[in-house]
Protein backbone atom coordinates (compact mmCIF):
# COMPACT_ATOMS: atom_id res chain seq x y z
CA MET A 1 -7.63 -3.02 5.87
CA GLU A 2 -5.95 0.26 4.93
CA TYR A 3 -5.71 2.72 7.80
CA THR A 4 -6.02 5.91 5.75
CA GLN A 5 -8.13 8.95 6.51
CA GLU A 6 -9.99 8.60 3.21
CA HIS A 7 -10.88 4.97 3.86
CA ILE A 8 -12.21 5.61 7.38
CA TYR A 9 -14.19 8.62 6.19
CA GLU A 10 -15.62 6.67 3.26
CA LEU A 11 -16.77 3.84 5.54
CA LEU A 12 -18.45 6.32 7.90
CA LEU A 13 -20.31 7.89 4.99
CA ARG A 14 -21.43 4.46 3.83
CA LYS A 15 -22.63 3.68 7.34
CA LYS A 16 -24.71 6.86 7.43
CA LYS A 17 -26.25 6.10 4.03
CA GLY A 18 -27.01 2.53 5.10
CA ASN A 19 -25.10 0.81 2.30
CA ILE A 20 -22.17 -0.51 4.33
CA ASN A 21 -21.54 -4.27 4.38
CA HIS A 22 -21.51 -6.31 7.56
CA ALA A 23 -17.72 -6.76 7.78
CA ASP A 24 -16.99 -3.04 7.34
CA ASN A 25 -19.73 -2.07 9.79
CA GLN A 26 -18.36 -4.47 12.40
CA TYR A 27 -14.88 -3.02 11.88
CA LEU A 28 -16.18 0.53 12.41
CA GLU A 29 -18.14 -0.43 15.52
CA GLN A 30 -15.03 -1.95 17.09
CA LEU A 31 -12.96 1.07 16.10
CA MET A 32 -15.47 3.55 17.56
CA ALA A 33 -15.80 1.54 20.77
CA GLY A 34 -12.08 1.82 21.44
CA ASN A 35 -11.29 5.21 19.98
CA GLU A 36 -12.87 8.52 20.97
CA ASP A 37 -11.57 10.31 17.86
CA VAL A 38 -13.47 8.09 15.45
CA SER A 39 -16.55 8.02 17.67
CA ARG A 40 -16.76 11.82 17.66
CA LEU A 41 -16.22 11.96 13.92
CA TRP A 42 -19.13 9.52 13.49
CA ASP A 43 -21.35 11.70 15.68
CA ASP A 44 -20.52 14.74 13.55
CA ILE A 45 -21.25 12.90 10.29
CA ARG A 46 -24.39 11.28 11.67
CA LEU A 47 -25.86 14.59 12.90
CA HIS A 48 -25.01 16.72 9.88
CA ASP A 49 -25.76 16.56 6.18
CA PHE A 50 -22.38 15.78 4.64
CA ASP A 51 -21.46 14.26 1.35
CA GLU A 52 -18.25 13.06 -0.22
CA ASP A 53 -17.37 16.49 -1.61
CA VAL A 54 -16.87 17.87 1.90
CA TRP A 55 -13.71 15.82 2.32
CA TYR A 56 -12.04 17.45 -0.64
CA GLU A 57 -13.12 20.99 0.30
CA ILE A 58 -11.49 21.04 3.73
CA GLU A 59 -9.48 24.19 4.35
CA ASP A 60 -6.97 25.05 7.05
CA ASN A 61 -6.41 21.37 7.91
CA GLU A 62 -2.74 22.10 8.61
CA ALA A 63 -3.75 24.12 11.68
CA ALA A 64 -6.13 21.36 12.76
CA TRP A 65 -3.40 18.76 12.33
CA GLN A 66 -0.88 20.75 14.36
CA LYS A 67 -3.32 21.08 17.24
CA ILE A 68 -4.22 17.42 17.41
CA GLU A 69 -0.63 16.29 16.81
CA GLN A 70 0.54 18.28 19.84
CA GLU A 71 -2.08 16.58 21.96
CA LEU A 72 -1.34 13.08 20.67
CA LEU A 73 2.33 13.49 21.51
CA GLN A 74 1.52 14.18 25.17
CA PRO A 75 1.84 11.18 27.55
CA GLN A 76 -1.81 11.58 28.54
CA HIS A 77 -3.79 13.64 26.11
CA LYS A 78 -7.28 15.04 26.10
CA ILE A 79 -9.16 15.51 22.88
CA ARG A 80 -10.33 19.07 22.29
CA ARG A 81 -13.44 19.89 20.31
CA PHE A 82 -12.72 21.58 16.97
CA PRO A 83 -15.09 23.42 14.59
CA ILE A 84 -16.73 20.83 12.37
CA VAL A 85 -14.76 21.53 9.17
CA LYS A 86 -11.44 21.33 11.01
CA TRP A 87 -12.59 18.26 12.90
CA LEU A 88 -13.11 16.36 9.66
CA ALA A 89 -9.48 16.99 8.82
CA ALA A 90 -8.12 16.15 12.24
CA ALA A 91 -10.31 13.47 13.75
CA CYS A 92 -9.04 10.68 11.53
CA VAL A 93 -5.67 10.85 13.26
CA LEU A 94 -6.16 7.63 15.18
CA GLY A 95 -4.50 6.51 18.36
CA VAL A 96 -4.87 2.83 19.12
CA MET A 97 -3.89 3.19 22.76
CA ALA A 98 -5.58 0.02 23.96
CA THR A 99 -2.83 -2.14 22.50
CA GLY A 100 -0.04 0.15 23.61
CA ALA A 101 0.73 1.21 20.02
CA TYR A 102 -0.44 4.06 17.82
CA PHE A 103 -0.28 5.24 14.27
CA LEU A 104 -0.77 8.75 12.92
CA LEU A 105 -2.62 9.32 9.69
CA LYS A 106 -1.30 12.63 8.45
CA PRO A 107 -3.98 14.37 6.39
CA SER A 108 -3.34 16.33 3.24
CA VAL A 109 -1.90 19.80 3.89
CA PRO A 110 -1.50 22.81 1.62
CA MET A 111 1.67 22.42 -0.50
CA THR A 112 4.18 24.97 -1.65
CA GLY A 113 4.79 25.50 -5.36
CA THR A 114 7.93 23.36 -5.20
CA GLU A 115 6.08 20.56 -3.41
CA MET A 116 3.24 20.71 -5.92
CA ALA A 117 5.70 20.43 -8.81
CA GLU A 118 7.40 17.47 -7.12
CA ALA A 119 4.04 15.77 -6.47
CA ALA A 120 3.05 16.29 -10.09
CA SER A 121 6.27 14.70 -11.32
CA HIS A 122 5.71 11.65 -9.11
CA ALA A 123 2.07 11.36 -10.20
CA LYS A 124 3.22 11.14 -13.81
CA GLY A 125 4.97 7.92 -12.89
CA LEU A 126 1.64 6.22 -12.13
CA ARG A 127 0.45 5.14 -15.54
CA LEU A 128 -1.26 2.50 -17.61
CA LYS A 129 0.45 1.50 -20.84
CA LEU A 130 -2.11 0.01 -23.19
CA SER A 131 -1.43 -2.92 -25.50
CA ASN A 132 -1.60 -0.55 -28.48
CA GLY A 133 1.32 1.48 -27.10
CA LYS A 134 -0.73 4.43 -25.81
CA THR A 135 0.08 5.55 -22.24
CA ILE A 136 -2.53 6.97 -19.85
CA GLN A 137 -1.47 8.97 -16.80
CA LEU A 138 -3.53 7.93 -13.76
CA PRO A 139 -4.61 10.02 -10.76
CA TYR A 140 -3.48 8.75 -7.38
CA ASN A 141 -5.10 9.66 -4.08
CA GLU A 142 -7.80 11.82 -5.67
CA PRO A 143 -11.55 11.59 -6.33
CA SER A 144 -12.43 9.02 -8.96
CA GLN A 145 -12.13 10.06 -12.59
CA GLN A 146 -13.72 8.51 -15.67
CA ILE A 147 -11.26 7.88 -18.51
CA THR A 148 -12.15 6.43 -21.90
CA ALA A 149 -9.66 4.28 -23.78
CA GLY A 150 -11.32 3.03 -26.94
CA SER A 151 -14.10 0.65 -25.92
CA VAL A 152 -12.81 0.48 -22.33
CA ALA A 153 -14.20 2.71 -19.57
CA LEU A 154 -11.63 3.26 -16.83
CA ASN A 155 -12.54 4.42 -13.34
CA ALA A 156 -9.36 5.69 -11.65
CA GLY A 157 -8.78 7.47 -8.37
CA ALA A 158 -8.58 6.92 -4.62
CA ARG A 159 -5.59 4.61 -5.27
CA THR A 160 -7.72 2.17 -7.28
CA LEU A 161 -8.21 1.35 -10.96
CA GLN A 162 -11.13 -0.64 -12.30
CA TYR A 163 -12.63 -0.89 -15.76
CA THR A 164 -15.49 -2.14 -17.87
CA THR A 165 -15.64 -3.07 -21.55
CA GLU A 166 -18.20 -4.61 -23.85
CA ASP A 167 -15.50 -5.92 -26.18
CA ARG A 168 -14.33 -9.16 -24.58
CA THR A 169 -12.24 -10.02 -27.64
CA MET A 170 -9.65 -7.32 -26.95
CA GLY A 171 -6.26 -8.95 -27.01
CA GLY A 172 -2.84 -7.92 -25.83
CA LEU A 173 -1.39 -7.10 -22.43
CA ASN A 174 -1.68 -3.75 -20.71
CA THR A 175 0.94 -2.69 -18.15
CA LEU A 176 0.10 -0.93 -14.88
CA ILE A 177 3.21 0.86 -13.60
CA VAL A 178 3.38 1.90 -9.91
CA PRO A 179 6.32 4.23 -9.18
CA PRO A 180 8.21 4.78 -5.91
CA LYS A 181 6.29 6.31 -2.98
CA MET A 182 2.97 4.77 -4.07
CA ASP A 183 0.91 1.62 -3.71
CA TYR A 184 -2.13 0.90 -5.86
CA ARG A 185 -5.06 -1.47 -6.27
CA LEU A 186 -6.32 -2.96 -9.54
CA ILE A 187 -9.62 -4.78 -9.99
CA LEU A 188 -9.47 -7.16 -12.95
CA SER A 189 -12.36 -8.06 -15.23
CA ASP A 190 -13.10 -11.28 -13.32
CA GLY A 191 -13.29 -9.46 -9.98
CA THR A 192 -9.80 -10.45 -8.83
CA GLU A 193 -8.21 -7.71 -6.71
CA VAL A 194 -4.48 -6.98 -6.90
CA TRP A 195 -2.64 -4.64 -4.54
CA LEU A 196 0.70 -3.51 -5.96
CA ASN A 197 3.53 -2.21 -3.79
CA ALA A 198 5.78 0.68 -4.84
CA THR A 199 8.08 0.16 -7.85
CA SER A 200 5.98 -2.70 -9.24
CA THR A 201 4.39 -3.53 -12.58
CA LEU A 202 1.55 -5.83 -13.58
CA LYS A 203 0.80 -6.90 -17.14
CA PHE A 204 -2.81 -8.00 -17.69
CA PRO A 205 -5.48 -8.23 -20.41
CA PHE A 206 -8.76 -6.32 -20.22
CA GLY A 207 -10.60 -9.62 -20.63
CA PHE A 208 -9.76 -13.29 -19.97
CA ASN A 209 -10.97 -15.24 -23.00
CA GLU A 210 -9.07 -18.52 -22.96
CA GLY A 211 -9.12 -21.34 -20.43
CA ARG A 212 -6.56 -19.59 -18.20
CA ARG A 213 -6.41 -16.21 -16.52
CA GLU A 214 -2.80 -15.03 -16.79
CA VAL A 215 -0.99 -11.93 -15.49
CA TYR A 216 2.69 -11.00 -15.17
CA LEU A 217 4.15 -9.43 -12.01
CA GLU A 218 7.43 -7.69 -11.26
CA GLY A 219 7.93 -6.20 -7.80
CA GLU A 220 5.44 -7.11 -5.08
CA GLY A 221 1.72 -7.76 -5.16
CA TYR A 222 -1.05 -9.17 -2.99
CA PHE A 223 -3.72 -11.15 -4.85
CA LYS A 224 -7.30 -11.87 -3.84
CA VAL A 225 -8.35 -14.16 -6.66
CA ALA A 226 -11.98 -14.57 -7.72
CA LYS A 227 -12.95 -18.23 -7.73
CA ASN A 228 -13.43 -19.91 -11.09
CA ALA A 229 -12.77 -23.63 -11.18
CA GLU A 230 -12.86 -23.67 -14.99
CA LYS A 231 -10.25 -20.92 -15.39
CA PRO A 232 -7.12 -21.27 -13.24
CA PHE A 233 -5.44 -17.99 -12.35
CA ILE A 234 -1.74 -17.85 -13.23
CA VAL A 235 0.75 -15.26 -11.97
CA HIS A 236 3.99 -15.23 -13.92
CA THR A 237 7.12 -13.79 -12.30
CA PRO A 238 10.65 -13.55 -13.75
CA GLN A 239 11.51 -16.89 -12.10
CA THR A 240 8.32 -18.73 -11.24
CA GLU A 241 4.63 -19.03 -11.95
CA VAL A 242 1.89 -19.46 -9.35
CA GLU A 243 -1.34 -21.27 -10.20
CA VAL A 244 -4.56 -20.87 -8.18
CA LEU A 245 -8.31 -21.28 -8.49
CA GLY A 246 -9.38 -18.87 -5.76
CA THR A 247 -7.23 -17.75 -2.85
CA GLU A 248 -5.23 -14.93 -1.25
CA PHE A 249 -1.45 -14.73 -1.42
CA ASN A 250 1.50 -12.34 -1.64
CA ILE A 251 4.34 -12.49 -4.17
CA ASN A 252 7.62 -10.61 -3.71
CA THR A 253 10.22 -10.44 -6.49
CA TYR A 254 12.13 -7.36 -5.33
CA LYS A 255 15.37 -9.18 -4.51
CA THR A 256 17.32 -10.21 -7.58
CA GLY A 257 17.24 -13.97 -8.04
CA ILE A 258 14.71 -14.55 -5.21
CA THR A 259 10.92 -15.00 -5.46
CA SER A 260 8.82 -15.40 -2.30
CA THR A 261 5.21 -16.62 -2.45
CA SER A 262 3.31 -16.37 0.86
CA LEU A 263 -0.07 -18.12 1.04
CA VAL A 264 -2.72 -16.55 3.28
CA SER A 265 -5.72 -18.74 2.41
CA GLY A 266 -6.70 -21.43 -0.08
CA ALA A 267 -4.04 -23.37 -1.95
CA VAL A 268 -1.52 -22.57 -4.68
CA ALA A 269 0.97 -24.50 -6.75
CA THR A 270 4.15 -22.66 -7.66
CA HIS A 271 6.31 -23.84 -10.56
CA SER A 272 9.78 -23.22 -11.89
CA GLY A 273 11.00 -25.42 -14.70
CA SER A 274 10.26 -29.00 -13.73
CA SER A 275 9.92 -28.17 -10.01
CA THR A 276 6.45 -27.85 -8.50
CA LEU A 277 5.51 -27.04 -4.93
CA VAL A 278 2.01 -26.98 -3.39
CA LEU A 279 1.57 -24.62 -0.45
CA LYS A 280 -0.79 -24.67 2.52
CA PRO A 281 -2.03 -21.52 4.30
CA GLY A 282 0.71 -20.03 6.46
CA GLN A 283 3.48 -21.42 4.27
CA GLU A 284 5.91 -19.41 2.17
CA ALA A 285 7.82 -20.75 -0.82
CA VAL A 286 11.17 -19.06 -1.45
CA TYR A 287 12.74 -19.75 -4.81
CA THR A 288 16.40 -18.96 -5.49
CA GLU A 289 18.34 -19.65 -8.66
CA HIS A 290 20.86 -22.02 -7.05
CA LEU A 291 18.79 -23.69 -4.33
CA GLY A 292 15.41 -24.00 -6.00
CA PHE A 293 12.39 -24.03 -3.66
CA THR A 294 12.48 -23.97 0.14
CA VAL A 295 9.38 -23.85 2.35
CA GLN A 296 8.99 -22.00 5.63
CA GLN A 297 6.33 -20.53 7.87
CA PHE A 298 5.83 -16.78 7.64
CA ASP A 299 4.52 -14.01 9.87
CA SER A 300 1.62 -12.40 8.01
CA GLU A 301 1.91 -9.22 10.08
CA VAL A 302 5.45 -8.78 8.79
CA VAL A 303 4.98 -9.95 5.19
CA LEU A 304 1.73 -8.03 4.62
CA SER A 305 2.52 -4.95 6.68
CA TRP A 306 3.29 -2.96 3.51
CA MET A 307 -0.43 -2.98 2.67
CA ASN A 308 -1.07 -0.77 5.70
CA GLY A 309 1.81 1.55 4.84
CA VAL A 310 4.08 -0.03 7.44
CA PHE A 311 7.19 -2.18 6.98
CA GLN A 312 8.27 -4.24 9.98
CA PHE A 313 11.86 -5.33 10.46
CA ASP A 314 13.07 -8.02 12.84
CA ASN A 315 16.84 -8.20 13.22
CA THR A 316 17.21 -7.07 9.61
CA ARG A 317 20.49 -5.84 8.13
CA LEU A 318 20.47 -2.13 7.42
CA ARG A 319 21.51 -2.84 3.84
CA ASP A 320 18.11 -4.50 3.37
CA LEU A 321 16.38 -1.28 4.48
CA ALA A 322 18.02 0.70 1.67
CA PRO A 323 15.83 -0.63 -1.20
CA VAL A 324 12.68 -0.18 0.92
CA ILE A 325 13.57 3.47 1.58
CA LYS A 326 14.18 3.96 -2.14
CA ARG A 327 10.84 2.39 -3.09
CA TRP A 328 8.77 4.25 -0.50
CA PHE A 329 10.50 7.63 -0.43
CA GLY A 330 12.34 7.81 -3.77
CA VAL A 331 15.73 8.36 -2.09
CA ASN A 332 18.94 6.48 -2.85
CA VAL A 333 20.86 5.23 0.21
CA VAL A 334 24.64 4.96 0.47
CA PHE A 335 26.63 3.52 3.40
CA ASP A 336 29.78 5.52 4.10
CA ASP A 337 30.90 2.73 6.44
CA GLN A 338 30.30 -0.71 4.94
CA SER A 339 30.37 -2.36 8.36
CA LEU A 340 27.24 -0.37 9.18
CA ALA A 341 25.41 -1.98 6.27
CA ASN A 342 25.47 -5.31 8.11
CA ALA A 343 24.28 -3.88 11.44
CA PRO A 344 20.97 -5.43 12.59
CA PHE A 345 17.84 -3.32 12.95
CA THR A 346 14.53 -4.13 14.62
CA GLY A 347 11.74 -1.62 14.25
CA VAL A 348 9.12 -0.10 11.96
CA LEU A 349 9.30 2.07 8.87
CA ASP A 350 5.96 3.91 8.67
CA LYS A 351 4.97 5.37 5.30
CA HIS A 352 2.48 7.70 7.00
CA HIS A 353 5.43 9.58 8.50
CA ASP A 354 8.07 11.31 6.42
CA LEU A 355 11.59 9.96 6.08
CA PRO A 356 13.19 12.45 8.54
CA PHE A 357 10.89 11.06 11.26
CA PHE A 358 12.26 7.55 10.69
CA LEU A 359 15.86 8.76 10.45
CA LYS A 360 15.54 10.64 13.71
CA ASN A 361 14.32 7.47 15.42
CA LEU A 362 17.09 5.46 13.77
CA LYS A 363 19.68 7.92 15.05
CA ASN A 364 18.25 7.67 18.57
CA THR A 365 18.47 3.88 18.74
CA GLY A 366 21.83 4.15 20.46
CA VAL A 367 23.72 1.98 17.97
CA GLY A 368 25.88 4.82 16.68
CA ILE A 369 24.17 5.82 13.43
CA ASP A 370 24.17 9.27 11.86
CA PHE A 371 23.10 10.55 8.44
CA TYR A 372 23.41 13.42 5.99
CA TYR A 373 22.28 14.28 2.48
CA ASP A 374 24.47 14.89 -0.55
CA LYS A 375 22.20 16.28 -3.27
CA GLU A 376 19.42 13.67 -3.50
CA THR A 377 21.36 10.81 -1.90
CA LEU A 378 21.01 9.80 1.74
CA HIS A 379 24.28 8.81 3.41
CA LEU A 380 24.36 6.66 6.55
CA LYS A 381 27.52 6.63 8.64
CA GLU A 382 28.83 5.56 11.99
CA THR A 383 29.21 8.07 14.80
CA HIS A 384 32.58 8.10 16.53
């Protein structure tokens, strides 16, 4: 489940229209029971005639955000009633206080010209390269758009791409490219859903015609494979291939020479050369060039946290945070003091907050860390 303002708002609209499924409705009921913000937003939507366009016509949501942010940062806050248009922008800032933790979902705010230019340049990185060599730029967190590519009808927007085509004989592999700072979902022709993390690519055909469904992943992806006993689903990575019939699993190939396959449900067989390993739910296969396969248990909250825009670290070397910061924020990291690179860190990197927020918390951990920028490079150093 993605804790984004758009997703919560979309589910509430579905609930009002009566076309929400049981699982999503149950999720909303639990959320409203424990959170006054969401409950009030539901009351506003339920009692007024809103449609999807309202969300994208919100004005002055920066002022609404500032007001609610000030209240959420108080030890004991009271929720003030805002005018309805402002409330739509602010009420999806959720505080899950019952568990002693909270997350803030920062809504869209008016951007300066420089910020708009920067956002446009990043959006250009999200693209679909067709098998014929043509490249299509894709919208990101925007309303859905219809794009025609030959006989294929693409529906792109709201961080999701899906497509339909009458020509099932189309051959060749298309490449979905997800740049830094983004994550994206792709729905394949067989109904399989793939969530791609930042700086990842997936090669796939528009239709699966042979006896196997095959895709090629670099980076990190979470797969929810549609069941088809007659057509095994194969994920190729630079080092391994994973074969399934219908299951959910995560594959991470970010680290050079290491491929991790984490099985959530079902069963998979992962191969490399003559080595084959069958996993059970809760098991993770880690393949390295020199050691081959090793099997271990994994914490799904840690491994899959990226899907909710959060990366959890448990006694992790700071050097291992550097590539995550680069993927999520597009910033290179340099350690002025190499001993600092091996310092352990336990905490959370939240994509819903900006990088300065994380750096401020990192500096306040009391382990003697400071930072500065040199052009577009972030430098971490020890304080003396």
